[in-house]
Structure formats: structure tokens, C-alpha cells
Amino acid sequence: QVQLVESGGGLVQAGGSLRLSCACSRRTFMSYTVGWFRQATGKEREFVARITWRGGNTDYADSVKGRFTISIDNTKNTVYLEMNSLKPEDTAVYYCAADRLGRRTSADYWGQGTQVTVSS
């Protein structure tokens, strides 16, 4: 079954770091773009970062560029989002997603989400 399972969220202080993990089958999503979206309370879901299985090409939202890094571990079938220099405005539910077209506004498959809370 096609599924994405994310983990690694938690509570951190501003300036701290977290690494999110997304269990994702390379066999299933090799032709997809895989990435992360987030949704803060009362706000619309927004694009965070994406990566292609085949070429490892990455793309980031301007708000996280230079602070977040997306990567893939093929041996573990896992996509990571390393978040550094976290800010209170990064607080949101983070969703792992996969999309055939690599869209920044939607995706074909979604995980359940993991909460990230950054305190001031």
C-alpha cells in the first residue's frame, strides 16, 4: 500500500534543531517528487521543501532556505528534513508528501503529520 509515515516532531526552543523523518518506499516513489509541507493553526498549508528520488534535486521555500535541509537515505527508505536555527514561526504540523508532478501547492499522497513547536 502506498503510505508515508513521518516522525521526529517535538518541542524545542528558538535557535534549536530537529530532524524529521518520513518512511517512504523508494520502489514506490522513485518517479515522484517527495517533500514536506506544513500547516500552522488557522493558516493554510504551505510548501517547505522537496527532493527527487532519481536526481536528488532539491527545492526550498524562501522562508526556510539556508536553515532546513532535505535529504534521502536509500538504505533506510527514509526522507529527512533537518531543521536548524528554528524560529517560533516554524511552529506547525509538518506533513510528508509525494507528488508525480512535483507540485508546490498540492500532492498525491500525504502522511499523518507530526507537530513541531518552537518556543521563544
N, C-alpha and C. Protein backbone atom coordinates (compact mmCIF):
# COMPACT_ATOMS: atom_id res chain seq x y z
N GLN A 1 0.84 -1.18 0.00
CA GLN A 1 0.00 0.00 0.00
C GLN A 1 0.88 1.24 0.00
N VAL A 2 0.46 2.23 -0.71
CA VAL A 2 1.19 3.49 -0.75
C VAL A 2 0.96 4.21 0.57
N GLN A 3 2.04 4.51 1.29
CA GLN A 3 1.90 5.21 2.54
C GLN A 3 3.17 5.96 2.89
N LEU A 4 2.98 7.03 3.65
CA LEU A 4 4.06 7.85 4.15
C LEU A 4 3.87 8.02 5.64
N VAL A 5 4.92 7.79 6.41
CA VAL A 5 4.82 7.88 7.86
C VAL A 5 5.93 8.78 8.37
N GLU A 6 5.56 9.94 8.91
CA GLU A 6 6.54 10.89 9.41
C GLU A 6 6.64 10.83 10.93
N SER A 7 7.80 11.22 11.43
CA SER A 7 8.06 11.24 12.86
C SER A 7 9.17 12.24 13.15
N GLY A 8 9.43 12.49 14.42
CA GLY A 8 10.53 13.35 14.82
C GLY A 8 10.14 14.71 15.34
N GLY A 9 8.86 15.03 15.31
CA GLY A 9 8.42 16.32 15.81
C GLY A 9 8.57 16.41 17.32
N GLY A 10 8.44 17.62 17.83
CA GLY A 10 8.57 17.82 19.26
C GLY A 10 8.61 19.29 19.62
N LEU A 11 9.00 19.56 20.85
CA LEU A 11 9.09 20.92 21.37
C LEU A 11 10.55 21.31 21.52
N VAL A 12 10.93 22.42 20.91
CA VAL A 12 12.29 22.93 21.01
C VAL A 12 12.26 24.43 21.23
N GLN A 13 13.36 24.96 21.75
CA GLN A 13 13.47 26.40 21.93
C GLN A 13 14.00 27.05 20.65
N ALA A 14 13.69 28.31 20.48
CA ALA A 14 14.17 29.05 19.33
C ALA A 14 15.69 28.92 19.21
N GLY A 15 16.15 28.69 17.99
CA GLY A 15 17.57 28.50 17.75
C GLY A 15 18.00 27.05 17.78
N GLY A 16 17.11 26.18 18.23
CA GLY A 16 17.41 24.77 18.30
C GLY A 16 17.20 24.05 16.98
N SER A 17 17.35 22.73 17.02
CA SER A 17 17.26 21.92 15.82
C SER A 17 16.40 20.68 16.03
N LEU A 18 15.81 20.20 14.96
CA LEU A 18 15.06 18.96 14.94
C LEU A 18 15.29 18.29 13.59
N ARG A 19 15.20 16.97 13.56
CA ARG A 19 15.25 16.25 12.31
C ARG A 19 14.00 15.40 12.17
N LEU A 20 13.23 15.69 11.14
CA LEU A 20 12.03 14.93 10.86
C LEU A 20 12.36 13.78 9.91
N SER A 21 11.67 12.67 10.08
CA SER A 21 11.87 11.51 9.23
C SER A 21 10.57 11.11 8.56
N CYS A 22 10.66 10.65 7.34
CA CYS A 22 9.49 10.17 6.60
C CYS A 22 9.82 8.82 6.01
N ALA A 23 9.19 7.78 6.53
CA ALA A 23 9.35 6.45 5.96
C ALA A 23 8.67 6.44 4.61
N CYS A 24 9.45 6.21 3.56
CA CYS A 24 8.95 6.34 2.20
C CYS A 24 9.64 5.32 1.31
N SER A 25 8.87 4.51 0.62
CA SER A 25 9.42 3.45 -0.23
C SER A 25 10.00 4.02 -1.52
N ARG A 26 11.29 3.82 -1.72
CA ARG A 26 11.92 4.25 -2.96
C ARG A 26 11.32 3.52 -4.15
N ARG A 27 10.99 2.25 -3.98
CA ARG A 27 10.42 1.46 -5.06
C ARG A 27 9.09 2.06 -5.52
N THR A 28 8.32 2.56 -4.60
CA THR A 28 7.03 3.15 -4.92
C THR A 28 7.15 4.55 -5.49
N PHE A 29 8.04 5.35 -4.91
CA PHE A 29 8.10 6.77 -5.23
C PHE A 29 9.33 7.20 -6.02
N MET A 30 10.01 6.29 -6.65
CA MET A 30 11.22 6.62 -7.41
C MET A 30 10.96 7.66 -8.49
N SER A 31 9.79 7.62 -9.09
CA SER A 31 9.45 8.56 -10.16
C SER A 31 8.73 9.80 -9.63
N TYR A 32 8.62 9.92 -8.33
CA TYR A 32 7.91 11.03 -7.70
C TYR A 32 8.87 12.07 -7.14
N THR A 33 8.32 13.21 -6.85
CA THR A 33 8.99 14.20 -6.04
C THR A 33 8.44 14.05 -4.62
N VAL A 34 9.32 13.95 -3.65
CA VAL A 34 8.92 13.77 -2.26
C VAL A 34 9.34 15.00 -1.47
N GLY A 35 8.50 15.42 -0.53
CA GLY A 35 8.87 16.61 0.21
C GLY A 35 8.04 16.83 1.45
N TRP A 36 8.12 18.06 1.94
CA TRP A 36 7.47 18.43 3.17
C TRP A 36 6.62 19.68 3.00
N PHE A 37 5.45 19.66 3.62
CA PHE A 37 4.59 20.81 3.74
C PHE A 37 4.35 21.05 5.23
N ARG A 38 3.83 22.20 5.57
CA ARG A 38 3.49 22.46 6.96
C ARG A 38 2.24 23.31 7.03
N GLN A 39 1.53 23.20 8.15
CA GLN A 39 0.33 23.97 8.34
C GLN A 39 0.24 24.43 9.79
N ALA A 40 0.30 25.72 9.98
CA ALA A 40 0.15 26.31 11.30
C ALA A 40 -1.33 26.46 11.61
N THR A 41 -1.66 26.52 12.88
CA THR A 41 -3.04 26.65 13.31
C THR A 41 -3.67 27.91 12.72
N GLY A 42 -4.81 27.74 12.06
CA GLY A 42 -5.51 28.87 11.48
C GLY A 42 -4.96 29.36 10.16
N LYS A 43 -3.96 28.69 9.62
CA LYS A 43 -3.35 29.10 8.36
C LYS A 43 -3.43 27.99 7.33
N GLU A 44 -3.23 28.36 6.08
CA GLU A 44 -3.24 27.38 5.00
C GLU A 44 -1.94 26.58 4.98
N ARG A 45 -2.03 25.38 4.46
CA ARG A 45 -0.85 24.54 4.32
C ARG A 45 0.10 25.15 3.30
N GLU A 46 1.40 25.13 3.59
CA GLU A 46 2.38 25.72 2.71
C GLU A 46 3.53 24.77 2.42
N PHE A 47 4.12 24.95 1.27
CA PHE A 47 5.25 24.16 0.84
C PHE A 47 6.49 24.51 1.66
N VAL A 48 7.29 23.49 1.98
CA VAL A 48 8.53 23.70 2.74
C VAL A 48 9.76 23.30 1.93
N ALA A 49 9.79 22.05 1.47
CA ALA A 49 10.95 21.55 0.73
C ALA A 49 10.57 20.32 -0.07
N ARG A 50 11.34 20.02 -1.11
CA ARG A 50 11.09 18.83 -1.91
C ARG A 50 12.40 18.29 -2.48
N ILE A 51 12.36 17.01 -2.87
CA ILE A 51 13.53 16.35 -3.43
C ILE A 51 13.07 15.24 -4.37
N THR A 52 13.82 15.00 -5.43
CA THR A 52 13.51 13.92 -6.36
C THR A 52 14.35 12.70 -6.04
N TRP A 53 13.75 11.52 -6.07
CA TRP A 53 14.48 10.28 -5.83
C TRP A 53 15.55 10.06 -6.87
N ARG A 54 15.23 10.31 -8.12
CA ARG A 54 16.13 9.98 -9.22
C ARG A 54 17.36 10.87 -9.29
N GLY A 55 17.18 12.15 -9.20
CA GLY A 55 18.30 13.06 -9.35
C GLY A 55 18.76 13.74 -8.08
N GLY A 56 17.97 13.64 -7.02
CA GLY A 56 18.33 14.29 -5.77
C GLY A 56 18.24 15.80 -5.85
N ASN A 57 17.51 16.31 -6.81
CA ASN A 57 17.35 17.75 -6.94
C ASN A 57 16.46 18.28 -5.83
N THR A 58 16.88 19.37 -5.21
CA THR A 58 16.15 19.92 -4.08
C THR A 58 15.61 21.31 -4.36
N ASP A 59 14.60 21.67 -3.60
CA ASP A 59 13.97 22.98 -3.73
C ASP A 59 13.41 23.35 -2.36
N TYR A 60 13.52 24.63 -1.99
CA TYR A 60 13.09 25.08 -0.68
C TYR A 60 12.26 26.34 -0.76
N ALA A 61 11.35 26.47 0.19
CA ALA A 61 10.64 27.72 0.34
C ALA A 61 11.62 28.78 0.82
N ASP A 62 11.41 30.02 0.41
CA ASP A 62 12.32 31.09 0.80
C ASP A 62 12.43 31.24 2.31
N SER A 63 11.35 30.96 3.02
CA SER A 63 11.33 31.14 4.46
C SER A 63 12.24 30.16 5.22
N VAL A 64 12.61 29.04 4.59
CA VAL A 64 13.44 28.05 5.26
C VAL A 64 14.79 27.86 4.59
N LYS A 65 15.01 28.49 3.47
CA LYS A 65 16.25 28.33 2.72
C LYS A 65 17.44 28.74 3.58
N GLY A 66 18.45 27.88 3.62
CA GLY A 66 19.63 28.15 4.43
C GLY A 66 19.54 27.61 5.83
N ARG A 67 18.34 27.24 6.27
CA ARG A 67 18.14 26.71 7.61
C ARG A 67 17.72 25.24 7.61
N PHE A 68 16.94 24.84 6.61
CA PHE A 68 16.45 23.46 6.50
C PHE A 68 17.18 22.74 5.38
N THR A 69 17.36 21.43 5.56
CA THR A 69 17.98 20.60 4.54
C THR A 69 17.17 19.31 4.37
N ILE A 70 16.78 19.02 3.14
CA ILE A 70 16.06 17.79 2.85
C ILE A 70 17.04 16.80 2.22
N SER A 71 16.92 15.53 2.59
CA SER A 71 17.82 14.51 2.08
C SER A 71 17.14 13.15 2.06
N ILE A 72 17.78 12.20 1.40
CA ILE A 72 17.25 10.83 1.29
C ILE A 72 18.31 9.83 1.71
N ASP A 73 17.91 8.84 2.48
CA ASP A 73 18.76 7.71 2.80
C ASP A 73 18.13 6.50 2.11
N ASN A 74 18.72 6.09 1.00
CA ASN A 74 18.15 4.99 0.21
C ASN A 74 18.17 3.66 0.95
N THR A 75 19.17 3.44 1.79
CA THR A 75 19.26 2.17 2.51
C THR A 75 18.17 2.03 3.55
N LYS A 76 17.64 3.14 4.02
CA LYS A 76 16.60 3.12 5.05
C LYS A 76 15.23 3.51 4.51
N ASN A 77 15.16 3.80 3.21
CA ASN A 77 13.90 4.24 2.61
C ASN A 77 13.27 5.36 3.43
N THR A 78 14.08 6.37 3.67
CA THR A 78 13.64 7.47 4.53
C THR A 78 14.04 8.81 3.94
N VAL A 79 13.12 9.75 4.00
CA VAL A 79 13.38 11.13 3.62
C VAL A 79 13.47 11.95 4.89
N TYR A 80 14.50 12.77 5.00
CA TYR A 80 14.72 13.57 6.20
C TYR A 80 14.53 15.05 5.92
N LEU A 81 14.14 15.76 6.96
CA LEU A 81 14.14 17.20 6.93
C LEU A 81 14.88 17.67 8.17
N GLU A 82 16.11 18.13 7.98
CA GLU A 82 16.89 18.66 9.08
C GLU A 82 16.59 20.14 9.23
N MET A 83 16.12 20.52 10.40
CA MET A 83 15.71 21.89 10.64
C MET A 83 16.64 22.51 11.68
N ASN A 84 17.33 23.56 11.28
CA ASN A 84 18.26 24.27 12.16
C ASN A 84 17.80 25.71 12.35
N SER A 85 18.33 26.34 13.38
CA SER A 85 18.00 27.74 13.67
C SER A 85 16.50 27.96 13.66
N LEU A 86 15.79 27.11 14.36
CA LEU A 86 14.34 27.16 14.36
C LEU A 86 13.81 28.44 14.99
N LYS A 87 12.71 28.92 14.43
CA LYS A 87 12.06 30.13 14.88
C LYS A 87 10.64 29.81 15.33
N PRO A 88 10.06 30.63 16.21
CA PRO A 88 8.68 30.38 16.62
C PRO A 88 7.72 30.29 15.44
N GLU A 89 7.97 31.03 14.37
CA GLU A 89 7.11 30.98 13.21
C GLU A 89 7.20 29.68 12.43
N ASP A 90 8.15 28.81 12.79
CA ASP A 90 8.23 27.48 12.19
C ASP A 90 7.25 26.51 12.84
N THR A 91 6.61 26.92 13.91
CA THR A 91 5.65 26.07 14.61
C THR A 91 4.51 25.69 13.68
N ALA A 92 4.28 24.39 13.52
CA ALA A 92 3.25 23.91 12.61
C ALA A 92 3.22 22.39 12.66
N VAL A 93 2.20 21.81 12.04
CA VAL A 93 2.18 20.38 11.78
C VAL A 93 2.89 20.18 10.45
N TYR A 94 3.89 19.32 10.44
CA TYR A 94 4.66 19.06 9.24
C TYR A 94 4.21 17.75 8.60
N TYR A 95 3.95 17.80 7.30
CA TYR A 95 3.45 16.65 6.56
C TYR A 95 4.44 16.22 5.50
N CYS A 96 4.72 14.94 5.44
CA CYS A 96 5.48 14.37 4.35
C CYS A 96 4.52 14.13 3.19
N ALA A 97 4.96 14.38 1.97
CA ALA A 97 4.09 14.25 0.82
C ALA A 97 4.85 13.78 -0.40
N ALA A 98 4.13 13.18 -1.34
CA ALA A 98 4.72 12.72 -2.60
C ALA A 98 3.80 13.10 -3.74
N ASP A 99 4.39 13.57 -4.82
CA ASP A 99 3.60 14.04 -5.95
C ASP A 99 4.29 13.71 -7.27
N ARG A 100 3.54 13.20 -8.21
CA ARG A 100 4.10 12.84 -9.51
C ARG A 100 4.63 14.05 -10.27
N LEU A 101 3.96 15.17 -10.12
CA LEU A 101 4.32 16.37 -10.86
C LEU A 101 5.20 17.32 -10.07
N GLY A 102 5.48 17.00 -8.82
CA GLY A 102 6.32 17.85 -8.00
C GLY A 102 5.70 19.21 -7.72
N ARG A 103 4.40 19.24 -7.52
CA ARG A 103 3.71 20.49 -7.26
C ARG A 103 4.07 21.08 -5.91
N ARG A 104 4.02 22.40 -5.83
CA ARG A 104 4.28 23.11 -4.58
C ARG A 104 2.99 23.52 -3.88
N THR A 105 1.87 23.22 -4.49
CA THR A 105 0.58 23.61 -3.93
C THR A 105 -0.27 22.44 -3.48
N SER A 106 0.09 21.22 -3.89
CA SER A 106 -0.67 20.04 -3.52
C SER A 106 0.19 18.81 -3.71
N ALA A 107 -0.36 17.63 -3.40
CA ALA A 107 0.37 16.39 -3.54
C ALA A 107 -0.59 15.22 -3.70
N ASP A 108 -0.11 14.12 -4.25
CA ASP A 108 -0.93 12.94 -4.46
C ASP A 108 -1.10 12.11 -3.19
N TYR A 109 -0.06 12.07 -2.36
CA TYR A 109 -0.08 11.27 -1.14
C TYR A 109 0.43 12.07 0.04
N TRP A 110 -0.17 11.82 1.21
CA TRP A 110 0.17 12.56 2.42
C TRP A 110 0.35 11.65 3.61
N GLY A 111 1.26 12.03 4.51
CA GLY A 111 1.39 11.36 5.78
C GLY A 111 0.42 11.97 6.77
N GLN A 112 0.43 11.47 8.00
CA GLN A 112 -0.50 11.94 9.02
C GLN A 112 -0.07 13.25 9.68
N GLY A 113 1.20 13.58 9.59
CA GLY A 113 1.69 14.81 10.15
C GLY A 113 2.36 14.62 11.50
N THR A 114 3.32 15.49 11.80
CA THR A 114 3.99 15.48 13.09
C THR A 114 4.14 16.93 13.56
N GLN A 115 3.82 17.17 14.82
CA GLN A 115 3.80 18.52 15.37
C GLN A 115 5.20 19.00 15.72
N VAL A 116 5.51 20.21 15.27
CA VAL A 116 6.75 20.88 15.64
C VAL A 116 6.37 22.18 16.33
N THR A 117 6.84 22.35 17.56
CA THR A 117 6.55 23.56 18.32
C THR A 117 7.86 24.20 18.74
N VAL A 118 8.04 25.47 18.38
CA VAL A 118 9.25 26.21 18.72
C VAL A 118 8.88 27.31 19.69
N SER A 119 9.43 27.26 20.88
CA SER A 119 9.14 28.26 21.90
C SER A 119 10.12 29.42 21.80
N SER A 120 9.68 30.59 22.24
CA SER A 120 10.51 31.78 22.20
C SER A 120 11.41 31.88 23.41
